[in-house]
Amino acid sequence: MNIQEIPLTPDNQQFGIALGGQQMTMRLTWRDEAGWLLDLMDSAGGALVNSVPLVPGANLLAQHAHLGFTGALIVMVDNNEPELPTKTNLGIGSHLYFVQE
């Protein structure tokens, strides 16, 4: 099993990343009502997934299997509680991992 932590900070951010050999752009945005939301764009900037909430313990890409992702994006929190990442603890007390079997 290959586990890659995606380094994050508790700020809105956008960056290029390779997940399972596929180059894409990842954007994380804080929304007061919804919390942290994830967008993924292909290398040309086309939307792959939009506004996926960062929910701990779930594969954030599960409902998008038809797009051919070769792994899972999973949020974990340090205290192992099923709480959502907060505005100030993303990348500190809550972490995003790309997991390939």
PDB file of N, CA and C in Angstrom:
ATOM      1  N   MET A   1       0.844  -1.177   0.000  1.00  0.00           N
ATOM      2  CA  MET A   1       0.000   0.000   0.000  1.00  0.00           C
ATOM      3  C   MET A   1       0.888   1.238   0.000  1.00  0.00           C
ATOM      4  N   ASN A   2       0.558   2.179  -0.854  1.00  0.00           N
ATOM      5  CA  ASN A   2       1.305   3.421  -0.960  1.00  0.00           C
ATOM      6  C   ASN A   2       0.446   4.555  -0.390  1.00  0.00           C
ATOM      7  N   ILE A   3       0.968   5.265   0.616  1.00  0.00           N
ATOM      8  CA  ILE A   3       0.241   6.367   1.251  1.00  0.00           C
ATOM      9  C   ILE A   3       1.072   7.632   1.105  1.00  0.00           C
ATOM     10  N   GLN A   4       0.456   8.653   0.537  1.00  0.00           N
ATOM     11  CA  GLN A   4       1.130   9.934   0.314  1.00  0.00           C
ATOM     12  C   GLN A   4       0.334  11.034   1.017  1.00  0.00           C
ATOM     13  N   GLU A   5       0.960  11.711   1.991  1.00  0.00           N
ATOM     14  CA  GLU A   5       0.289  12.858   2.605  1.00  0.00           C
ATOM     15  C   GLU A   5       0.436  14.062   1.692  1.00  0.00           C
ATOM     16  N   ILE A   6      -0.657  14.754   1.494  1.00  0.00           N
ATOM     17  CA  ILE A   6      -0.655  15.972   0.693  1.00  0.00           C
ATOM     18  C   ILE A   6      -0.475  17.133   1.664  1.00  0.00           C
ATOM     19  N   PRO A   7       0.659  17.823   1.600  1.00  0.00           N
ATOM     20  CA  PRO A   7       0.920  18.896   2.572  1.00  0.00           C
ATOM     21  C   PRO A   7      -0.036  20.069   2.360  1.00  0.00           C
ATOM     22  N   LEU A   8      -0.740  20.433   3.414  1.00  0.00           N
ATOM     23  CA  LEU A   8      -1.720  21.517   3.364  1.00  0.00           C
ATOM     24  C   LEU A   8      -1.478  22.499   4.493  1.00  0.00           C
ATOM     25  N   THR A   9      -2.003  23.689   4.324  1.00  0.00           N
ATOM     26  CA  THR A   9      -2.004  24.710   5.367  1.00  0.00           C
ATOM     27  C   THR A   9      -3.438  25.187   5.535  1.00  0.00           C
ATOM     28  N   PRO A  10      -3.771  25.796   6.672  1.00  0.00           N
ATOM     29  CA  PRO A  10      -5.152  26.255   6.885  1.00  0.00           C
ATOM     30  C   PRO A  10      -5.448  27.576   6.161  1.00  0.00           C
ATOM     31  N   ASP A  11      -5.213  27.576   4.862  1.00  0.00           N
ATOM     32  CA  ASP A  11      -5.470  28.725   3.993  1.00  0.00           C
ATOM     33  C   ASP A  11      -6.117  28.217   2.711  1.00  0.00           C
ATOM     34  N   ASN A  12      -6.887  29.064   2.044  1.00  0.00           N
ATOM     35  CA  ASN A  12      -7.337  28.725   0.699  1.00  0.00           C
ATOM     36  C   ASN A  12      -6.088  28.520  -0.144  1.00  0.00           C
ATOM     37  N   GLN A  13      -6.091  27.471  -0.973  1.00  0.00           N
ATOM     38  CA  GLN A  13      -4.878  27.161  -1.725  1.00  0.00           C
ATOM     39  C   GLN A  13      -5.200  26.424  -3.015  1.00  0.00           C
ATOM     40  N   GLN A  14      -4.301  26.563  -3.961  1.00  0.00           N
ATOM     41  CA  GLN A  14      -4.407  25.875  -5.245  1.00  0.00           C
ATOM     42  C   GLN A  14      -3.002  25.536  -5.698  1.00  0.00           C
ATOM     43  N   PHE A  15      -2.806  24.277  -6.159  1.00  0.00           N
ATOM     44  CA  PHE A  15      -1.474  23.849  -6.557  1.00  0.00           C
ATOM     45  C   PHE A  15      -1.574  22.654  -7.500  1.00  0.00           C
ATOM     46  N   GLY A  16      -0.512  22.457  -8.268  1.00  0.00           N
ATOM     47  CA  GLY A  16      -0.405  21.295  -9.130  1.00  0.00           C
ATOM     48  C   GLY A  16       0.061  20.091  -8.329  1.00  0.00           C
ATOM     49  N   ILE A  17      -0.453  18.912  -8.703  1.00  0.00           N
ATOM     50  CA  ILE A  17      -0.091  17.688  -7.993  1.00  0.00           C
ATOM     51  C   ILE A  17      -0.274  16.500  -8.924  1.00  0.00           C
ATOM     52  N   ALA A  18       0.545  15.479  -8.730  1.00  0.00           N
ATOM     53  CA  ALA A  18       0.380  14.217  -9.457  1.00  0.00           C
ATOM     54  C   ALA A  18      -0.208  13.201  -8.490  1.00  0.00           C
ATOM     55  N   LEU A  19      -1.358  12.664  -8.831  1.00  0.00           N
ATOM     56  CA  LEU A  19      -2.008  11.628  -8.030  1.00  0.00           C
ATOM     57  C   LEU A  19      -2.108  10.368  -8.875  1.00  0.00           C
ATOM     58  N   GLY A  20      -1.400   9.337  -8.467  1.00  0.00           N
ATOM     59  CA  GLY A  20      -1.413   8.100  -9.234  1.00  0.00           C
ATOM     60  C   GLY A  20      -0.904   8.267 -10.647  1.00  0.00           C
ATOM     61  N   GLY A  21       0.068   9.152 -10.835  1.00  0.00           N
ATOM     62  CA  GLY A  21       0.642   9.385 -12.144  1.00  0.00           C
ATOM     63  C   GLY A  21      -0.162  10.332 -13.021  1.00  0.00           C
ATOM     64  N   GLN A  22      -1.275  10.827 -12.515  1.00  0.00           N
ATOM     65  CA  GLN A  22      -2.113  11.758 -13.277  1.00  0.00           C
ATOM     66  C   GLN A  22      -1.879  13.176 -12.765  1.00  0.00           C
ATOM     67  N   GLN A  23      -1.420  14.065 -13.646  1.00  0.00           N
ATOM     68  CA  GLN A  23      -1.161  15.455 -13.265  1.00  0.00           C
ATOM     69  C   GLN A  23      -2.471  16.226 -13.220  1.00  0.00           C
ATOM     70  N   MET A  24      -2.682  16.981 -12.139  1.00  0.00           N
ATOM     71  CA  MET A  24      -3.903  17.770 -11.999  1.00  0.00           C
ATOM     72  C   MET A  24      -3.653  18.959 -11.095  1.00  0.00           C
ATOM     73  N   THR A  25      -4.662  19.787 -10.959  1.00  0.00           N
ATOM     74  CA  THR A  25      -4.618  20.921 -10.049  1.00  0.00           C
ATOM     75  C   THR A  25      -5.617  20.662  -8.935  1.00  0.00           C
ATOM     76  N   MET A  26      -5.175  20.882  -7.699  1.00  0.00           N
ATOM     77  CA  MET A  26      -6.034  20.716  -6.525  1.00  0.00           C
ATOM     78  C   MET A  26      -6.295  22.092  -5.933  1.00  0.00           C
ATOM     79  N   ARG A  27      -7.544  22.348  -5.589  1.00  0.00           N
ATOM     80  CA  ARG A  27      -7.907  23.610  -4.933  1.00  0.00           C
ATOM     81  C   ARG A  27      -8.715  23.282  -3.688  1.00  0.00           C
ATOM     82  N   LEU A  28      -8.341  23.914  -2.572  1.00  0.00           N
ATOM     83  CA  LEU A  28      -9.086  23.777  -1.329  1.00  0.00           C
ATOM     84  C   LEU A  28      -9.537  25.159  -0.899  1.00  0.00           C
ATOM     85  N   THR A  29     -10.817  25.257  -0.586  1.00  0.00           N
ATOM     86  CA  THR A  29     -11.417  26.545  -0.270  1.00  0.00           C
ATOM     87  C   THR A  29     -12.250  26.411   0.995  1.00  0.00           C
ATOM     88  N   TRP A  30     -12.114  27.377   1.895  1.00  0.00           N
ATOM     89  CA  TRP A  30     -12.925  27.414   3.108  1.00  0.00           C
ATOM     90  C   TRP A  30     -14.203  28.194   2.834  1.00  0.00           C
ATOM     91  N   ARG A  31     -15.330  27.606   3.208  1.00  0.00           N
ATOM     92  CA  ARG A  31     -16.642  28.268   3.149  1.00  0.00           C
ATOM     93  C   ARG A  31     -17.241  28.182   4.539  1.00  0.00           C
ATOM     94  N   ASP A  32     -17.628  29.334   5.095  1.00  0.00           N
ATOM     95  CA  ASP A  32     -18.121  29.369   6.476  1.00  0.00           C
ATOM     96  C   ASP A  32     -19.239  28.368   6.747  1.00  0.00           C
ATOM     97  N   GLU A  33     -20.168  28.213   5.827  1.00  0.00           N
ATOM     98  CA  GLU A  33     -21.297  27.301   6.042  1.00  0.00           C
ATOM     99  C   GLU A  33     -20.959  25.848   5.739  1.00  0.00           C
ATOM    100  N   ALA A  34     -20.037  25.603   4.821  1.00  0.00           N
ATOM    101  CA  ALA A  34     -19.766  24.241   4.354  1.00  0.00           C
ATOM    102  C   ALA A  34     -18.450  23.664   4.851  1.00  0.00           C
ATOM    103  N   GLY A  35     -17.546  24.488   5.349  1.00  0.00           N
ATOM    104  CA  GLY A  35     -16.228  24.008   5.748  1.00  0.00           C
ATOM    105  C   GLY A  35     -15.287  23.965   4.555  1.00  0.00           C
ATOM    106  N   TRP A  36     -14.311  23.050   4.603  1.00  0.00           N
ATOM    107  CA  TRP A  36     -13.325  22.928   3.523  1.00  0.00           C
ATOM    108  C   TRP A  36     -13.916  22.148   2.367  1.00  0.00           C
ATOM    109  N   LEU A  37     -13.743  22.678   1.154  1.00  0.00           N
ATOM    110  CA  LEU A  37     -14.227  22.041  -0.069  1.00  0.00           C
ATOM    111  C   LEU A  37     -13.061  21.805  -1.018  1.00  0.00           C
ATOM    112  N   LEU A  38     -13.085  20.665  -1.688  1.00  0.00           N
ATOM    113  CA  LEU A  38     -12.029  20.233  -2.597  1.00  0.00           C
ATOM    114  C   LEU A  38     -12.517  20.288  -4.039  1.00  0.00           C
ATOM    115  N   ASP A  39     -11.700  20.861  -4.903  1.00  0.00           N
ATOM    116  CA  ASP A  39     -11.918  20.818  -6.356  1.00  0.00           C
ATOM    117  C   ASP A  39     -10.680  20.196  -6.984  1.00  0.00           C
ATOM    118  N   LEU A  40     -10.883  19.388  -8.015  1.00  0.00           N
ATOM    119  CA  LEU A  40      -9.783  18.848  -8.802  1.00  0.00           C
ATOM    120  C   LEU A  40     -10.020  19.208 -10.260  1.00  0.00           C
ATOM    121  N   MET A  41      -8.958  19.686 -10.916  1.00  0.00           N
ATOM    122  CA  MET A  41      -9.020  20.040 -12.327  1.00  0.00           C
ATOM    123  C   MET A  41      -7.950  19.251 -13.079  1.00  0.00           C
ATOM    124  N   ASP A  42      -8.252  18.923 -14.335  1.00  0.00           N
ATOM    125  CA  ASP A  42      -7.246  18.235 -15.145  1.00  0.00           C
ATOM    126  C   ASP A  42      -6.142  19.209 -15.538  1.00  0.00           C
ATOM    127  N   SER A  43      -5.140  18.715 -16.254  1.00  0.00           N
ATOM    128  CA  SER A  43      -3.978  19.548 -16.573  1.00  0.00           C
ATOM    129  C   SER A  43      -4.318  20.736 -17.467  1.00  0.00           C
ATOM    130  N   ALA A  44      -5.472  20.683 -18.150  1.00  0.00           N
ATOM    131  CA  ALA A  44      -5.904  21.804 -18.988  1.00  0.00           C
ATOM    132  C   ALA A  44      -6.813  22.770 -18.231  1.00  0.00           C
ATOM    133  N   GLY A  45      -7.087  22.474 -16.952  1.00  0.00           N
ATOM    134  CA  GLY A  45      -7.936  23.341 -16.139  1.00  0.00           C
ATOM    135  C   GLY A  45      -9.404  22.963 -16.144  1.00  0.00           C
ATOM    136  N   GLY A  46      -9.743  21.875 -16.822  1.00  0.00           N
ATOM    137  CA  GLY A  46     -11.131  21.414 -16.846  1.00  0.00           C
ATOM    138  C   GLY A  46     -11.517  20.762 -15.527  1.00  0.00           C
ATOM    139  N   ALA A  47     -12.727  21.014 -15.076  1.00  0.00           N
ATOM    140  CA  ALA A  47     -13.200  20.482 -13.799  1.00  0.00           C
ATOM    141  C   ALA A  47     -13.338  18.960 -13.850  1.00  0.00           C
ATOM    142  N   LEU A  48     -12.787  18.290 -12.849  1.00  0.00           N
ATOM    143  CA  LEU A  48     -12.984  16.850 -12.663  1.00  0.00           C
ATOM    144  C   LEU A  48     -13.988  16.607 -11.552  1.00  0.00           C
ATOM    145  N   VAL A  49     -13.739  17.199 -10.382  1.00  0.00           N
ATOM    146  CA  VAL A  49     -14.682  17.136  -9.267  1.00  0.00           C
ATOM    147  C   VAL A  49     -14.758  18.530  -8.645  1.00  0.00           C
ATOM    148  N   ASN A  50     -15.931  18.871  -8.149  1.00  0.00           N
ATOM    149  CA  ASN A  50     -16.142  20.197  -7.585  1.00  0.00           C
ATOM    150  C   ASN A  50     -16.817  20.128  -6.229  1.00  0.00           C
ATOM    151  N   SER A  51     -16.351  20.958  -5.321  1.00  0.00           N
ATOM    152  CA  SER A  51     -17.002  21.198  -4.025  1.00  0.00           C
ATOM    153  C   SER A  51     -17.241  19.931  -3.213  1.00  0.00           C
ATOM    154  N   VAL A  52     -16.229  19.072  -3.151  1.00  0.00           N
ATOM    155  CA  VAL A  52     -16.317  17.864  -2.326  1.00  0.00           C
ATOM    156  C   VAL A  52     -15.923  18.239  -0.904  1.00  0.00           C
ATOM    157  N   PRO A  53     -16.825  18.049   0.068  1.00  0.00           N
ATOM    158  CA  PRO A  53     -16.470  18.388   1.451  1.00  0.00           C
ATOM    159  C   PRO A  53     -15.416  17.436   2.013  1.00  0.00           C
ATOM    160  N   LEU A  54     -14.511  17.962   2.820  1.00  0.00           N
ATOM    161  CA  LEU A  54     -13.470  17.143   3.447  1.00  0.00           C
ATOM    162  C   LEU A  54     -14.061  16.434   4.663  1.00  0.00           C
ATOM    163  N   VAL A  55     -14.539  15.228   4.445  1.00  0.00           N
ATOM    164  CA  VAL A  55     -15.175  14.418   5.482  1.00  0.00           C
ATOM    165  C   VAL A  55     -14.187  13.341   5.919  1.00  0.00           C
ATOM    166  N   PRO A  56     -13.827  13.291   7.195  1.00  0.00           N
ATOM    167  CA  PRO A  56     -12.854  12.299   7.661  1.00  0.00           C
ATOM    168  C   PRO A  56     -13.330  10.857   7.479  1.00  0.00           C
ATOM    169  N   GLY A  57     -12.371  10.001   7.111  1.00  0.00           N
ATOM    170  CA  GLY A  57     -12.613   8.568   7.047  1.00  0.00           C
ATOM    171  C   GLY A  57     -13.261   8.068   5.774  1.00  0.00           C
ATOM    172  N   ALA A  58     -13.728   8.940   4.906  1.00  0.00           N
ATOM    173  CA  ALA A  58     -14.396   8.525   3.670  1.00  0.00           C
ATOM    174  C   ALA A  58     -13.467   8.740   2.484  1.00  0.00           C
ATOM    175  N   ASN A  59     -13.611   7.894   1.461  1.00  0.00           N
ATOM    176  CA  ASN A  59     -12.874   8.116   0.214  1.00  0.00           C
ATOM    177  C   ASN A  59     -13.574   9.239  -0.536  1.00  0.00           C
ATOM    178  N   LEU A  60     -12.947  10.390  -0.612  1.00  0.00           N
ATOM    179  CA  LEU A  60     -13.556  11.550  -1.258  1.00  0.00           C
ATOM    180  C   LEU A  60     -13.750  11.347  -2.757  1.00  0.00           C
ATOM    181  N   LEU A  61     -13.067  10.366  -3.330  1.00  0.00           N
ATOM    182  CA  LEU A  61     -13.170  10.110  -4.767  1.00  0.00           C
ATOM    183  C   LEU A  61     -14.096   8.942  -5.103  1.00  0.00           C
ATOM    184  N   ALA A  62     -14.678   8.308  -4.114  1.00  0.00           N
ATOM    185  CA  ALA A  62     -15.486   7.098  -4.349  1.00  0.00           C
ATOM    186  C   ALA A  62     -16.605   7.324  -5.350  1.00  0.00           C
ATOM    187  N   GLN A  63     -17.305   8.419  -5.242  1.00  0.00           N
ATOM    188  CA  GLN A  63     -18.424   8.658  -6.160  1.00  0.00           C
ATOM    189  C   GLN A  63     -17.969   9.098  -7.547  1.00  0.00           C
ATOM    190  N   HIS A  64     -16.664   9.221  -7.738  1.00  0.00           N
ATOM    191  CA  HIS A  64     -16.113   9.650  -9.027  1.00  0.00           C
ATOM    192  C   HIS A  64     -15.231   8.569  -9.647  1.00  0.00           C
ATOM    193  N   ALA A  65     -15.499   7.310  -9.333  1.00  0.00           N
ATOM    194  CA  ALA A  65     -14.691   6.195  -9.839  1.00  0.00           C
ATOM    195  C   ALA A  65     -14.672   6.149 -11.364  1.00  0.00           C
ATOM    196  N   HIS A  66     -15.720   6.627 -11.992  1.00  0.00           N
ATOM    197  CA  HIS A  66     -15.801   6.624 -13.457  1.00  0.00           C
ATOM    198  C   HIS A  66     -14.726   7.502 -14.110  1.00  0.00           C
ATOM    199  N   LEU A  67     -14.073   8.361 -13.316  1.00  0.00           N
ATOM    200  CA  LEU A  67     -13.018   9.228 -13.853  1.00  0.00           C
ATOM    201  C   LEU A  67     -11.654   8.533 -13.885  1.00  0.00           C
ATOM    202  N   GLY A  68     -11.579   7.318 -13.353  1.00  0.00           N
ATOM    203  CA  GLY A  68     -10.360   6.527 -13.456  1.00  0.00           C
ATOM    204  C   GLY A  68      -9.280   6.836 -12.438  1.00  0.00           C
ATOM    205  N   PHE A  69      -9.622   7.431 -11.306  1.00  0.00           N
ATOM    206  CA  PHE A  69      -8.615   7.665 -10.265  1.00  0.00           C
ATOM    207  C   PHE A  69      -8.071   6.322  -9.788  1.00  0.00           C
ATOM    208  N   THR A  70      -6.772   6.270  -9.537  1.00  0.00           N
ATOM    209  CA  THR A  70      -6.125   5.011  -9.168  1.00  0.00           C
ATOM    210  C   THR A  70      -5.901   4.884  -7.665  1.00  0.00           C
ATOM    211  N   GLY A  71      -6.568   5.697  -6.896  1.00  0.00           N
ATOM    212  CA  GLY A  71      -6.418   5.648  -5.449  1.00  0.00           C
ATOM    213  C   GLY A  71      -7.560   6.365  -4.775  1.00  0.00           C
ATOM    214  N   ALA A  72      -7.414   6.546  -3.482  1.00  0.00           N
ATOM    215  CA  ALA A  72      -8.440   7.190  -2.665  1.00  0.00           C
ATOM    216  C   ALA A  72      -7.858   8.438  -2.010  1.00  0.00           C
ATOM    217  N   LEU A  73      -8.666   9.470  -1.887  1.00  0.00           N
ATOM    218  CA  LEU A  73      -8.314  10.651  -1.094  1.00  0.00           C
ATOM    219  C   LEU A  73      -9.063  10.533   0.221  1.00  0.00           C
ATOM    220  N   ILE A  74      -8.322  10.516   1.319  1.00  0.00           N
ATOM    221  CA  ILE A  74      -8.917  10.293   2.630  1.00  0.00           C
ATOM    222  C   ILE A  74      -8.417  11.351   3.609  1.00  0.00           C
ATOM    223  N   VAL A  75      -9.339  11.946   4.356  1.00  0.00           N
ATOM    224  CA  VAL A  75      -9.010  12.902   5.416  1.00  0.00           C
ATOM    225  C   VAL A  75      -8.974  12.146   6.737  1.00  0.00           C
ATOM    226  N   MET A  76      -7.933  12.380   7.515  1.00  0.00           N
ATOM    227  CA  MET A  76      -7.819  11.805   8.852  1.00  0.00           C
ATOM    228  C   MET A  76      -7.520  12.937   9.832  1.00  0.00           C
ATOM    229  N   VAL A  77      -8.072  12.817  11.033  1.00  0.00           N
ATOM    230  CA  VAL A  77      -7.793  13.800  12.075  1.00  0.00           C
ATOM    231  C   VAL A  77      -6.942  13.144  13.157  1.00  0.00           C
ATOM    232  N   ASP A  78      -6.111  13.935  13.809  1.00  0.00           N
ATOM    233  CA  ASP A  78      -5.150  13.402  14.772  1.00  0.00           C
ATOM    234  C   ASP A  78      -5.786  12.708  15.957  1.00  0.00           C
ATOM    235  N   ASN A  79      -6.961  13.148  16.391  1.00  0.00           N
ATOM    236  CA  ASN A  79      -7.568  12.553  17.577  1.00  0.00           C
ATOM    237  C   ASN A  79      -8.491  11.388  17.249  1.00  0.00           C
ATOM    238  N   ASN A  80      -8.513  10.942  15.982  1.00  0.00           N
ATOM    239  CA  ASN A  80      -9.327   9.815  15.526  1.00  0.00           C
ATOM    240  C   ASN A  80     -10.823   9.996  15.762  1.00  0.00           C
ATOM    241  N   GLU A  81     -11.264  11.205  15.952  1.00  0.00           N
ATOM    242  CA  GLU A  81     -12.693  11.492  16.087  1.00  0.00           C
ATOM    243  C   GLU A  81     -13.242  11.851  14.704  1.00  0.00           C
ATOM    244  N   PRO A  82     -14.514  11.578  14.468  1.00  0.00           N
ATOM    245  CA  PRO A  82     -15.092  11.882  13.145  1.00  0.00           C
ATOM    246  C   PRO A  82     -15.513  13.343  12.997  1.00  0.00           C
ATOM    247  N   GLU A  83     -14.645  14.263  13.373  1.00  0.00           N
ATOM    248  CA  GLU A  83     -14.971  15.683  13.267  1.00  0.00           C
ATOM    249  C   GLU A  83     -14.373  16.260  11.993  1.00  0.00           C
ATOM    250  N   LEU A  84     -15.059  17.244  11.442  1.00  0.00           N
ATOM    251  CA  LEU A  84     -14.594  17.881  10.215  1.00  0.00           C
ATOM    252  C   LEU A  84     -13.378  18.756  10.491  1.00  0.00           C
ATOM    253  N   PRO A  85     -12.488  18.882   9.515  1.00  0.00           N
ATOM    254  CA  PRO A  85     -11.370  19.822   9.674  1.00  0.00           C
ATOM    255  C   PRO A  85     -11.904  21.238   9.909  1.00  0.00           C
ATOM    256  N   THR A  86     -11.266  21.946  10.803  1.00  0.00           N
ATOM    257  CA  THR A  86     -11.705  23.310  11.103  1.00  0.00           C
ATOM    258  C   THR A  86     -10.971  24.306  10.216  1.00  0.00           C
ATOM    259  N   LYS A  87     -11.400  25.547  10.306  1.00  0.00           N
ATOM    260  CA  LYS A  87     -10.782  26.609   9.501  1.00  0.00           C
ATOM    261  C   LYS A  87      -9.300  26.760   9.814  1.00  0.00           C
ATOM    262  N   THR A  88      -8.904  26.426  11.038  1.00  0.00           N
ATOM    263  CA  THR A  88      -7.524  26.668  11.469  1.00  0.00           C
ATOM    264  C   THR A  88      -6.673  25.414  11.649  1.00  0.00           C
ATOM    265  N   ASN A  89      -7.231  24.192  11.455  1.00  0.00           N
ATOM    266  CA  ASN A  89      -6.400  23.012  11.707  1.00  0.00           C
ATOM    267  C   ASN A  89      -6.091  22.180  10.466  1.00  0.00           C
ATOM    268  N   LEU A  90      -6.481  22.636   9.278  1.00  0.00           N
ATOM    269  CA  LEU A  90      -6.179  21.882   8.069  1.00  0.00           C
ATOM    270  C   LEU A  90      -4.660  21.775   7.896  1.00  0.00           C
ATOM    271  N   GLY A  91      -4.174  20.556   7.766  1.00  0.00           N
ATOM    272  CA  GLY A  91      -2.740  20.323   7.622  1.00  0.00           C
ATOM    273  C   GLY A  91      -1.994  20.298   8.939  1.00  0.00           C
ATOM    274  N   ILE A  92      -2.688  20.608  10.025  1.00  0.00           N
ATOM    275  CA  ILE A  92      -2.067  20.619  11.356  1.00  0.00           C
ATOM    276  C   ILE A  92      -2.650  19.486  12.208  1.00  0.00           C
ATOM    277  N   GLY A  93      -3.961  19.517  12.422  1.00  0.00           N
ATOM    278  CA  GLY A  93      -4.640  18.466  13.179  1.00  0.00           C
ATOM    279  C   GLY A  93      -5.501  17.583  12.308  1.00  0.00           C
ATOM    280  N   SER A  94      -5.643  17.951  11.050  1.00  0.00           N
ATOM    281  CA  SER A  94      -6.358  17.126  10.078  1.00  0.00           C
ATOM    282  C   SER A  94      -5.505  17.067   8.815  1.00  0.00           C
ATOM    283  N   HIS A  95      -5.475  15.890   8.194  1.00  0.00           N
ATOM    284  CA  HIS A  95      -4.527  15.646   7.107  1.00  0.00           C
ATOM    285  C   HIS A  95      -5.228  14.973   5.931  1.00  0.00           C
ATOM    286  N   LEU A  96      -4.758  15.258   4.729  1.00  0.00           N
ATOM    287  CA  LEU A  96      -5.296  14.667   3.512  1.00  0.00           C
ATOM    288  C   LEU A  96      -4.266  13.699   2.941  1.00  0.00           C
ATOM    289  N   TYR A  97      -4.716  12.473   2.660  1.00  0.00           N
ATOM    290  CA  TYR A  97      -3.825  11.429   2.143  1.00  0.00           C
ATOM    291  C   TYR A  97      -4.351  10.890   0.822  1.00  0.00           C
ATOM    292  N   PHE A  98      -3.422  10.558  -0.077  1.00  0.00           N
ATOM    293  CA  PHE A  98      -3.755   9.810  -1.284  1.00  0.00           C
ATOM    294  C   PHE A  98      -3.247   8.395  -1.062  1.00  0.00           C
ATOM    295  N   VAL A  99      -4.149   7.411  -1.134  1.00  0.00           N
ATOM    296  CA  VAL A  99      -3.831   6.025  -0.797  1.00  0.00           C
ATOM    297  C   VAL A  99      -4.058   5.148  -2.024  1.00  0.00           C
ATOM    298  N   GLN A 100      -3.041   4.376  -2.370  1.00  0.00           N
ATOM    299  CA  GLN A 100      -3.140   3.404  -3.449  1.00  0.00           C
ATOM    300  C   GLN A 100      -2.877   2.020  -2.897  1.00  0.00           C
ATOM    301  N   GLU A 101      -3.704   1.064  -3.270  1.00  0.00           N
ATOM    302  CA  GLU A 101      -3.547  -0.327  -2.799  1.00  0.00           C
ATOM    303  C   GLU A 101      -2.525  -1.063  -3.627  1.00  0.00           C
TER     304      GLU A 101
END
